[in-house]
Amino acid sequence: MVQSMFRPGFLVRATHTLLTWVITLKLFLHNTDLRRCEEEGELLLPVLFLLVVVLSVLLYFAVSLMDPGFVLSDTAKGSTEEMESMIPESATPRLRRCGYCLLQQPMRARHCQTCNRCVRRFDHHCPWLENCVGERNHRWFIVYLVVQLLALLCALHIALSGISPSVSWELWFWSNGFLLAVVGVVSVLSVVVQLLLGCHLYLVSVNCTTWEFMSRHRISYLKNCGDEENPFDRGVFCNLWDFFCICRTVMWEKIYHKSVQDSV
């Protein structure tokens, strides 16, 4: 993990951390609800806000440094070939070998050219995390988005509470300049995170990935399906339960074959 921290993404992670703590520190130092609560001895709001910020930073680094589900080797090749021999070739597209790392790709895996690795149940490569989002860290990515959105909304409320009136626009702008900048940055980030969270919750509820949603017409196991057909969709409740509560590697070829059989 220490070596991963100093990969090329170190600058992005350092920028994220620095921006988070600069905004947090300024919100504590300005005349906001946080400072007024401290002066009055009411520490519940400051402590809760600080805990949410710390948790968001910890989740950011956990998701950023976590193995997203890299395909490491062909150790499961024997069992895969045995499974393929039991499934008619016409029913399930044969597994392909990656043209970059030459490993056999499980269904729903994709090679990320930024990470130069194949990732199981590949969703997307996140430049803000400098890591892929895949089978092993996708659920934690969504948890991070929830906590990050909560931290941003709290910061927005606190920043607005510190904006004070003044006798002229010029004096008002100079006295509230930093808080106005915080409101602007936090508002934009809140909208972005909210849109990301909504999109990912929808995709998870139908058991689809960002890559599959955007490139459906180019994916061998989806391009022959109908526009509304998803061979991995088991219903909203089952999809959400499997995604958030079942921590295991899934052999998607079997689920795909079963879906094809049921549809025939």
C-alpha atoms as a PDB file:
ATOM      1  CA  MET A   1       0.000   0.000   0.000  1.00  0.00           C
ATOM      2  CA  VAL A   2       2.881   2.389   0.774  1.00  0.00           C
ATOM      3  CA  GLN A   3       4.351   1.768  -2.687  1.00  0.00           C
ATOM      4  CA  SER A   4       0.915   2.301  -4.276  1.00  0.00           C
ATOM      5  CA  MET A   5       0.626   5.673  -2.535  1.00  0.00           C
ATOM      6  CA  PHE A   6       3.676   6.976  -4.429  1.00  0.00           C
ATOM      7  CA  ARG A   7       2.540   5.936  -7.890  1.00  0.00           C
ATOM      8  CA  PRO A   8       1.898   8.696 -10.484  1.00  0.00           C
ATOM      9  CA  GLY A   9      -1.436   9.330  -8.731  1.00  0.00           C
ATOM     10  CA  PHE A  10       0.368  10.715  -5.674  1.00  0.00           C
ATOM     11  CA  LEU A  11      -0.095  14.304  -6.896  1.00  0.00           C
ATOM     12  CA  VAL A  12      -3.854  13.799  -7.352  1.00  0.00           C
ATOM     13  CA  ARG A  13      -4.216  12.242  -3.877  1.00  0.00           C
ATOM     14  CA  ALA A  14      -2.124  14.977  -2.287  1.00  0.00           C
ATOM     15  CA  THR A  15      -4.233  17.665  -3.993  1.00  0.00           C
ATOM     16  CA  HIS A  16      -7.460  16.037  -2.779  1.00  0.00           C
ATOM     17  CA  THR A  17      -6.164  15.786   0.786  1.00  0.00           C
ATOM     18  CA  LEU A  18      -4.759  19.336   0.834  1.00  0.00           C
ATOM     19  CA  LEU A  19      -7.966  20.850  -0.561  1.00  0.00           C
ATOM     20  CA  THR A  20     -10.085  18.945   1.962  1.00  0.00           C
ATOM     21  CA  TRP A  21      -8.099  20.034   4.993  1.00  0.00           C
ATOM     22  CA  VAL A  22      -7.630  23.651   3.857  1.00  0.00           C
ATOM     23  CA  ILE A  23     -11.405  24.064   3.473  1.00  0.00           C
ATOM     24  CA  THR A  24     -12.063  22.269   6.776  1.00  0.00           C
ATOM     25  CA  LEU A  25      -9.524  24.397   8.662  1.00  0.00           C
ATOM     26  CA  LYS A  26     -10.877  27.657   7.247  1.00  0.00           C
ATOM     27  CA  LEU A  27     -14.438  26.680   8.180  1.00  0.00           C
ATOM     28  CA  PHE A  28     -13.277  26.180  11.761  1.00  0.00           C
ATOM     29  CA  LEU A  29     -11.370  29.490  11.839  1.00  0.00           C
ATOM     30  CA  HIS A  30     -14.011  31.724  10.230  1.00  0.00           C
ATOM     31  CA  ASN A  31     -17.029  33.026  12.101  1.00  0.00           C
ATOM     32  CA  THR A  32     -19.254  30.089  11.116  1.00  0.00           C
ATOM     33  CA  ASP A  33     -21.594  27.837  13.073  1.00  0.00           C
ATOM     34  CA  LEU A  34     -18.584  25.657  13.899  1.00  0.00           C
ATOM     35  CA  ARG A  35     -16.721  28.461  15.623  1.00  0.00           C
ATOM     36  CA  ARG A  36     -19.843  29.737  17.387  1.00  0.00           C
ATOM     37  CA  CYS A  37     -20.532  26.229  18.726  1.00  0.00           C
ATOM     38  CA  GLU A  38     -16.943  25.972  19.987  1.00  0.00           C
ATOM     39  CA  GLU A  39     -17.173  29.337  21.762  1.00  0.00           C
ATOM     40  CA  GLU A  40     -20.429  28.284  23.419  1.00  0.00           C
ATOM     41  CA  GLY A  41     -19.016  24.914  24.467  1.00  0.00           C
ATOM     42  CA  GLU A  42     -21.360  22.936  22.201  1.00  0.00           C
ATOM     43  CA  LEU A  43     -18.989  20.476  20.556  1.00  0.00           C
ATOM     44  CA  LEU A  44     -21.459  18.062  18.952  1.00  0.00           C
ATOM     45  CA  LEU A  45     -21.576  19.793  15.536  1.00  0.00           C
ATOM     46  CA  PRO A  46     -17.783  20.339  15.261  1.00  0.00           C
ATOM     47  CA  VAL A  47     -17.024  16.758  16.319  1.00  0.00           C
ATOM     48  CA  LEU A  48     -19.579  15.230  13.934  1.00  0.00           C
ATOM     49  CA  PHE A  49     -18.383  17.355  11.025  1.00  0.00           C
ATOM     50  CA  LEU A  50     -14.757  16.474  11.718  1.00  0.00           C
ATOM     51  CA  LEU A  51     -15.601  12.757  11.913  1.00  0.00           C
ATOM     52  CA  VAL A  52     -17.425  12.885   8.568  1.00  0.00           C
ATOM     53  CA  VAL A  53     -14.460  14.651   6.930  1.00  0.00           C
ATOM     54  CA  VAL A  54     -11.954  12.160   8.380  1.00  0.00           C
ATOM     55  CA  LEU A  55     -14.115   9.232   7.263  1.00  0.00           C
ATOM     56  CA  SER A  56     -14.390  10.640   3.742  1.00  0.00           C
ATOM     57  CA  VAL A  57     -10.589  11.000   3.501  1.00  0.00           C
ATOM     58  CA  LEU A  58     -10.018   7.463   4.821  1.00  0.00           C
ATOM     59  CA  LEU A  59     -12.528   6.029   2.339  1.00  0.00           C
ATOM     60  CA  TYR A  60     -10.926   8.021  -0.469  1.00  0.00           C
ATOM     61  CA  PHE A  61      -7.524   6.479   0.211  1.00  0.00           C
ATOM     62  CA  ALA A  62      -9.011   3.015   0.771  1.00  0.00           C
ATOM     63  CA  VAL A  63     -10.782   3.022  -2.608  1.00  0.00           C
ATOM     64  CA  SER A  64      -7.865   4.727  -4.335  1.00  0.00           C
ATOM     65  CA  LEU A  65      -5.258   2.227  -3.122  1.00  0.00           C
ATOM     66  CA  MET A  66      -7.427  -0.901  -3.136  1.00  0.00           C
ATOM     67  CA  ASP A  67      -7.022  -3.699  -5.677  1.00  0.00           C
ATOM     68  CA  PRO A  68     -10.124  -3.177  -7.882  1.00  0.00           C
ATOM     69  CA  GLY A  69     -10.099  -6.819  -8.966  1.00  0.00           C
ATOM     70  CA  PHE A  70      -7.047  -7.189 -11.179  1.00  0.00           C
ATOM     71  CA  VAL A  71      -6.883 -10.402 -13.212  1.00  0.00           C
ATOM     72  CA  LEU A  72      -3.599 -11.760 -11.903  1.00  0.00           C
ATOM     73  CA  SER A  73      -2.998 -14.987 -13.840  1.00  0.00           C
ATOM     74  CA  ASP A  74      -4.522 -17.903 -15.700  1.00  0.00           C
ATOM     75  CA  THR A  75      -4.617 -20.037 -12.542  1.00  0.00           C
ATOM     76  CA  ALA A  76      -8.317 -20.635 -13.043  1.00  0.00           C
ATOM     77  CA  LYS A  77      -7.799 -21.650 -16.666  1.00  0.00           C
ATOM     78  CA  GLY A  78      -8.448 -25.335 -16.075  1.00  0.00           C
ATOM     79  CA  SER A  79     -11.772 -24.800 -14.350  1.00  0.00           C
ATOM     80  CA  THR A  80     -12.749 -22.224 -16.968  1.00  0.00           C
ATOM     81  CA  GLU A  81     -12.056 -24.602 -19.826  1.00  0.00           C
ATOM     82  CA  GLU A  82     -13.997 -27.337 -18.041  1.00  0.00           C
ATOM     83  CA  MET A  83     -16.941 -24.968 -17.621  1.00  0.00           C
ATOM     84  CA  GLU A  84     -16.774 -23.955 -21.277  1.00  0.00           C
ATOM     85  CA  SER A  85     -16.841 -27.601 -22.349  1.00  0.00           C
ATOM     86  CA  MET A  86     -20.094 -28.053 -20.395  1.00  0.00           C
ATOM     87  CA  ILE A  87     -21.749 -24.992 -21.968  1.00  0.00           C
ATOM     88  CA  PRO A  88     -22.647 -25.082 -25.684  1.00  0.00           C
ATOM     89  CA  GLU A  89     -20.414 -22.744 -27.672  1.00  0.00           C
ATOM     90  CA  SER A  90     -23.433 -21.134 -29.300  1.00  0.00           C
ATOM     91  CA  ALA A  91     -24.903 -20.216 -25.898  1.00  0.00           C
ATOM     92  CA  THR A  92     -21.998 -18.314 -24.386  1.00  0.00           C
ATOM     93  CA  PRO A  93     -19.287 -16.270 -26.154  1.00  0.00           C
ATOM     94  CA  ARG A  94     -15.907 -17.877 -25.582  1.00  0.00           C
ATOM     95  CA  LEU A  95     -13.560 -16.091 -23.216  1.00  0.00           C
ATOM     96  CA  ARG A  96     -11.020 -13.960 -25.028  1.00  0.00           C
ATOM     97  CA  ARG A  97      -7.373 -13.344 -24.388  1.00  0.00           C
ATOM     98  CA  CYS A  98      -6.390  -9.767 -23.679  1.00  0.00           C
ATOM     99  CA  GLY A  99      -4.438  -8.239 -26.534  1.00  0.00           C
ATOM    100  CA  TYR A 100      -2.304  -6.216 -24.084  1.00  0.00           C
ATOM    101  CA  CYS A 101      -1.393  -8.433 -21.107  1.00  0.00           C
ATOM    102  CA  LEU A 102      -2.255 -11.766 -22.854  1.00  0.00           C
ATOM    103  CA  LEU A 103      -4.264 -13.032 -19.880  1.00  0.00           C
ATOM    104  CA  GLN A 104      -7.571 -14.798 -20.386  1.00  0.00           C
ATOM    105  CA  GLN A 105     -10.304 -12.339 -19.515  1.00  0.00           C
ATOM    106  CA  PRO A 106     -13.304 -13.508 -17.453  1.00  0.00           C
ATOM    107  CA  MET A 107     -16.666 -12.266 -18.692  1.00  0.00           C
ATOM    108  CA  ARG A 108     -17.280  -8.582 -17.809  1.00  0.00           C
ATOM    109  CA  ALA A 109     -13.528  -7.944 -17.410  1.00  0.00           C
ATOM    110  CA  ARG A 110     -11.721  -5.286 -19.423  1.00  0.00           C
ATOM    111  CA  HIS A 111      -8.172  -4.076 -19.856  1.00  0.00           C
ATOM    112  CA  CYS A 112      -7.504  -0.595 -18.458  1.00  0.00           C
ATOM    113  CA  GLN A 113      -4.780   1.078 -20.493  1.00  0.00           C
ATOM    114  CA  THR A 114      -4.104   3.628 -17.736  1.00  0.00           C
ATOM    115  CA  CYS A 115      -3.427   0.949 -15.090  1.00  0.00           C
ATOM    116  CA  ASN A 116      -2.131  -1.485 -17.758  1.00  0.00           C
ATOM    117  CA  ARG A 117      -4.079  -4.322 -16.075  1.00  0.00           C
ATOM    118  CA  CYS A 118      -7.235  -6.318 -16.742  1.00  0.00           C
ATOM    119  CA  VAL A 119      -9.953  -5.672 -14.150  1.00  0.00           C
ATOM    120  CA  ARG A 120     -12.793  -8.028 -13.216  1.00  0.00           C
ATOM    121  CA  ARG A 121     -16.296  -6.541 -13.652  1.00  0.00           C
ATOM    122  CA  PHE A 122     -14.665  -3.356 -14.901  1.00  0.00           C
ATOM    123  CA  ASP A 123     -16.757  -0.225 -14.356  1.00  0.00           C
ATOM    124  CA  HIS A 124     -14.471   2.707 -15.198  1.00  0.00           C
ATOM    125  CA  HIS A 125     -11.099   4.266 -14.469  1.00  0.00           C
ATOM    126  CA  CYS A 126     -11.538   7.205 -12.103  1.00  0.00           C
ATOM    127  CA  PRO A 127      -8.922   9.949 -12.669  1.00  0.00           C
ATOM    128  CA  TRP A 128      -9.733  11.567  -9.287  1.00  0.00           C
ATOM    129  CA  LEU A 129      -8.897   8.278  -7.545  1.00  0.00           C
ATOM    130  CA  GLU A 130      -6.141   7.352 -10.016  1.00  0.00           C
ATOM    131  CA  ASN A 131      -7.480   3.809  -9.813  1.00  0.00           C
ATOM    132  CA  CYS A 132      -9.972   1.598 -11.567  1.00  0.00           C
ATOM    133  CA  VAL A 133     -13.395   0.885 -10.121  1.00  0.00           C
ATOM    134  CA  GLY A 134     -14.115  -2.817 -10.445  1.00  0.00           C
ATOM    135  CA  GLU A 135     -15.384  -5.922  -8.713  1.00  0.00           C
ATOM    136  CA  ARG A 136     -13.508  -5.525  -5.438  1.00  0.00           C
ATOM    137  CA  ASN A 137     -13.844  -1.797  -4.744  1.00  0.00           C
ATOM    138  CA  HIS A 138     -17.049  -0.735  -6.528  1.00  0.00           C
ATOM    139  CA  ARG A 139     -19.247  -1.047  -3.420  1.00  0.00           C
ATOM    140  CA  TRP A 140     -16.709   0.946  -1.400  1.00  0.00           C
ATOM    141  CA  PHE A 141     -16.616   3.562  -4.144  1.00  0.00           C
ATOM    142  CA  ILE A 142     -20.367   4.090  -3.693  1.00  0.00           C
ATOM    143  CA  VAL A 143     -20.013   4.231   0.100  1.00  0.00           C
ATOM    144  CA  TYR A 144     -17.283   6.841  -0.403  1.00  0.00           C
ATOM    145  CA  LEU A 145     -19.582   8.888  -2.651  1.00  0.00           C
ATOM    146  CA  VAL A 146     -22.321   8.835   0.024  1.00  0.00           C
ATOM    147  CA  VAL A 147     -19.948   9.997   2.783  1.00  0.00           C
ATOM    148  CA  GLN A 148     -18.298  12.564   0.494  1.00  0.00           C
ATOM    149  CA  LEU A 149     -21.682  14.017  -0.446  1.00  0.00           C
ATOM    150  CA  LEU A 150     -22.640  14.262   3.223  1.00  0.00           C
ATOM    151  CA  ALA A 151     -19.348  16.051   4.007  1.00  0.00           C
ATOM    152  CA  LEU A 152     -19.845  18.478   1.094  1.00  0.00           C
ATOM    153  CA  LEU A 153     -23.426  19.333   2.070  1.00  0.00           C
ATOM    154  CA  CYS A 154     -22.336  19.938   5.677  1.00  0.00           C
ATOM    155  CA  ALA A 155     -19.473  22.146   4.484  1.00  0.00           C
ATOM    156  CA  LEU A 156     -21.857  24.083   2.235  1.00  0.00           C
ATOM    157  CA  HIS A 157     -24.260  24.731   5.092  1.00  0.00           C
ATOM    158  CA  ILE A 158     -21.435  25.785   7.429  1.00  0.00           C
ATOM    159  CA  ALA A 159     -19.873  28.109   4.818  1.00  0.00           C
ATOM    160  CA  LEU A 160     -23.221  29.819   4.191  1.00  0.00           C
ATOM    161  CA  SER A 161     -23.680  30.313   7.933  1.00  0.00           C
ATOM    162  CA  GLY A 162     -20.482  32.393   8.049  1.00  0.00           C
ATOM    163  CA  ILE A 163     -21.390  34.903   5.314  1.00  0.00           C
ATOM    164  CA  SER A 164     -22.105  38.211   7.020  1.00  0.00           C
ATOM    165  CA  PRO A 165     -23.729  41.425   5.665  1.00  0.00           C
ATOM    166  CA  SER A 166     -21.768  44.616   5.075  1.00  0.00           C
ATOM    167  CA  VAL A 167     -22.355  48.273   4.269  1.00  0.00           C
ATOM    168  CA  SER A 168     -21.281  47.980   0.620  1.00  0.00           C
ATOM    169  CA  TRP A 169     -20.831  45.283  -2.034  1.00  0.00           C
ATOM    170  CA  GLU A 170     -17.080  45.828  -2.109  1.00  0.00           C
ATOM    171  CA  LEU A 171     -16.656  45.406   1.633  1.00  0.00           C
ATOM    172  CA  TRP A 172     -19.074  42.454   1.614  1.00  0.00           C
ATOM    173  CA  PHE A 173     -17.078  40.747  -1.109  1.00  0.00           C
ATOM    174  CA  TRP A 174     -13.715  41.271   0.604  1.00  0.00           C
ATOM    175  CA  SER A 175     -14.968  40.180   4.024  1.00  0.00           C
ATOM    176  CA  ASN A 176     -16.647  37.052   2.648  1.00  0.00           C
ATOM    177  CA  GLY A 177     -14.341  36.319  -0.288  1.00  0.00           C
ATOM    178  CA  PHE A 178     -12.952  33.018   0.977  1.00  0.00           C
ATOM    179  CA  LEU A 179     -16.309  31.682   2.120  1.00  0.00           C
ATOM    180  CA  LEU A 180     -17.814  32.617  -1.261  1.00  0.00           C
ATOM    181  CA  ALA A 181     -15.027  30.675  -2.971  1.00  0.00           C
ATOM    182  CA  VAL A 182     -15.718  27.699  -0.686  1.00  0.00           C
ATOM    183  CA  VAL A 183     -19.426  27.890  -1.492  1.00  0.00           C
ATOM    184  CA  GLY A 184     -18.642  27.897  -5.213  1.00  0.00           C
ATOM    185  CA  VAL A 185     -16.207  24.964  -5.104  1.00  0.00           C
ATOM    186  CA  VAL A 186     -18.299  22.887  -2.720  1.00  0.00           C
ATOM    187  CA  SER A 187     -21.498  23.538  -4.704  1.00  0.00           C
ATOM    188  CA  VAL A 188     -19.910  22.305  -7.939  1.00  0.00           C
ATOM    189  CA  LEU A 189     -18.425  19.238  -6.237  1.00  0.00           C
ATOM    190  CA  SER A 190     -21.757  18.486  -4.542  1.00  0.00           C
ATOM    191  CA  VAL A 191     -23.576  18.467  -7.884  1.00  0.00           C
ATOM    192  CA  VAL A 192     -20.909  16.259  -9.482  1.00  0.00           C
ATOM    193  CA  VAL A 193     -20.883  13.760  -6.604  1.00  0.00           C
ATOM    194  CA  GLN A 194     -24.687  13.691  -6.477  1.00  0.00           C
ATOM    195  CA  LEU A 195     -24.903  12.933 -10.208  1.00  0.00           C
ATOM    196  CA  LEU A 196     -22.226  10.232  -9.909  1.00  0.00           C
ATOM    197  CA  LEU A 197     -23.984   8.644  -6.952  1.00  0.00           C
ATOM    198  CA  GLY A 198     -27.351   8.651  -8.702  1.00  0.00           C
ATOM    199  CA  CYS A 199     -25.908   7.122 -11.884  1.00  0.00           C
ATOM    200  CA  HIS A 200     -24.036   4.384 -10.022  1.00  0.00           C
ATOM    201  CA  LEU A 201     -26.997   3.486  -7.822  1.00  0.00           C
ATOM    202  CA  TYR A 202     -29.132   3.125 -10.948  1.00  0.00           C
ATOM    203  CA  LEU A 203     -26.519   0.965 -12.716  1.00  0.00           C
ATOM    204  CA  VAL A 204     -26.074  -1.228  -9.643  1.00  0.00           C
ATOM    205  CA  SER A 205     -29.854  -1.669  -9.326  1.00  0.00           C
ATOM    206  CA  VAL A 206     -29.962  -3.146 -12.868  1.00  0.00           C
ATOM    207  CA  ASN A 207     -26.594  -4.979 -12.517  1.00  0.00           C
ATOM    208  CA  CYS A 208     -24.850  -3.038 -15.248  1.00  0.00           C
ATOM    209  CA  THR A 209     -21.472  -1.302 -15.330  1.00  0.00           C
ATOM    210  CA  THR A 210     -20.575   2.086 -16.777  1.00  0.00           C
ATOM    211  CA  TRP A 211     -18.455   0.392 -19.442  1.00  0.00           C
ATOM    212  CA  GLU A 212     -21.299  -1.949 -20.431  1.00  0.00           C
ATOM    213  CA  PHE A 213     -23.800   0.913 -20.489  1.00  0.00           C
ATOM    214  CA  MET A 214     -21.602   3.141 -22.668  1.00  0.00           C
ATOM    215  CA  SER A 215     -20.184   0.448 -25.004  1.00  0.00           C
ATOM    216  CA  ARG A 216     -23.023  -2.066 -25.205  1.00  0.00           C
ATOM    217  CA  HIS A 217     -22.924  -2.241 -29.023  1.00  0.00           C
ATOM    218  CA  ARG A 218     -19.232  -3.256 -28.991  1.00  0.00           C
ATOM    219  CA  ILE A 219     -19.322  -5.933 -26.251  1.00  0.00           C
ATOM    220  CA  SER A 220     -19.549  -9.480 -27.602  1.00  0.00           C
ATOM    221  CA  TYR A 221     -21.877 -10.838 -24.920  1.00  0.00           C
ATOM    222  CA  LEU A 222     -24.280  -7.846 -25.078  1.00  0.00           C
ATOM    223  CA  LYS A 223     -24.375  -6.621 -28.675  1.00  0.00           C
ATOM    224  CA  ASN A 224     -26.739  -9.417 -29.746  1.00  0.00           C
ATOM    225  CA  CYS A 225     -29.135  -8.766 -26.829  1.00  0.00           C
ATOM    226  CA  GLY A 226     -32.102  -6.441 -27.129  1.00  0.00           C
ATOM    227  CA  ASP A 227     -31.745  -2.782 -26.167  1.00  0.00           C
ATOM    228  CA  GLU A 228     -33.577  -3.343 -22.871  1.00  0.00           C
ATOM    229  CA  GLU A 229     -32.223  -6.860 -22.237  1.00  0.00           C
ATOM    230  CA  ASN A 230     -29.587  -7.438 -19.556  1.00  0.00           C
ATOM    231  CA  PRO A 231     -28.554 -11.086 -18.985  1.00  0.00           C
ATOM    232  CA  PHE A 232     -27.171 -10.272 -15.518  1.00  0.00           C
ATOM    233  CA  ASP A 233     -30.254  -8.462 -14.149  1.00  0.00           C
ATOM    234  CA  ARG A 234     -31.967 -10.471 -11.369  1.00  0.00           C
ATOM    235  CA  GLY A 235     -34.321  -7.749 -10.172  1.00  0.00           C
ATOM    236  CA  VAL A 236     -33.616  -4.588  -8.166  1.00  0.00           C
ATOM    237  CA  PHE A 237     -33.671  -6.191  -4.700  1.00  0.00           C
ATOM    238  CA  CYS A 238     -31.452  -9.164  -5.639  1.00  0.00           C
ATOM    239  CA  ASN A 239     -29.049  -6.918  -7.560  1.00  0.00           C
ATOM    240  CA  LEU A 240     -28.625  -4.543  -4.604  1.00  0.00           C
ATOM    241  CA  TRP A 241     -28.350  -7.401  -2.097  1.00  0.00           C
ATOM    242  CA  ASP A 242     -25.697  -9.222  -4.136  1.00  0.00           C
ATOM    243  CA  PHE A 243     -23.755  -6.022  -4.745  1.00  0.00           C
ATOM    244  CA  PHE A 244     -23.651  -4.657  -1.191  1.00  0.00           C
ATOM    245  CA  CYS A 245     -23.972  -7.790   0.961  1.00  0.00           C
ATOM    246  CA  ILE A 246     -22.363 -10.686  -0.940  1.00  0.00           C
ATOM    247  CA  CYS A 247     -18.571 -10.341  -1.035  1.00  0.00           C
ATOM    248  CA  ARG A 248     -17.367 -13.018  -3.444  1.00  0.00           C
ATOM    249  CA  THR A 249     -15.999 -13.519  -6.929  1.00  0.00           C
ATOM    250  CA  VAL A 250     -18.836 -14.247  -9.334  1.00  0.00           C
ATOM    251  CA  MET A 251     -18.497 -16.491 -12.396  1.00  0.00           C
ATOM    252  CA  TRP A 252     -20.599 -14.368 -14.717  1.00  0.00           C
ATOM    253  CA  GLU A 253     -20.420 -16.951 -17.512  1.00  0.00           C
ATOM    254  CA  LYS A 254     -22.781 -19.250 -15.578  1.00  0.00           C
ATOM    255  CA  ILE A 255     -25.274 -16.452 -14.886  1.00  0.00           C
ATOM    256  CA  TYR A 256     -25.121 -15.418 -18.547  1.00  0.00           C
ATOM    257  CA  HIS A 257     -25.712 -18.999 -19.757  1.00  0.00           C
ATOM    258  CA  LYS A 258     -28.642 -19.449 -17.368  1.00  0.00           C
ATOM    259  CA  SER A 259     -30.173 -16.175 -18.590  1.00  0.00           C
ATOM    260  CA  VAL A 260     -29.776 -17.258 -22.205  1.00  0.00           C
ATOM    261  CA  GLN A 261     -31.437 -20.613 -21.443  1.00  0.00           C
ATOM    262  CA  ASP A 262     -34.344 -18.932 -19.637  1.00  0.00           C
ATOM    263  CA  SER A 263     -34.950 -16.531 -22.505  1.00  0.00           C
ATOM    264  CA  VAL A 264     -35.070 -19.350 -25.061  1.00  0.00           C
END
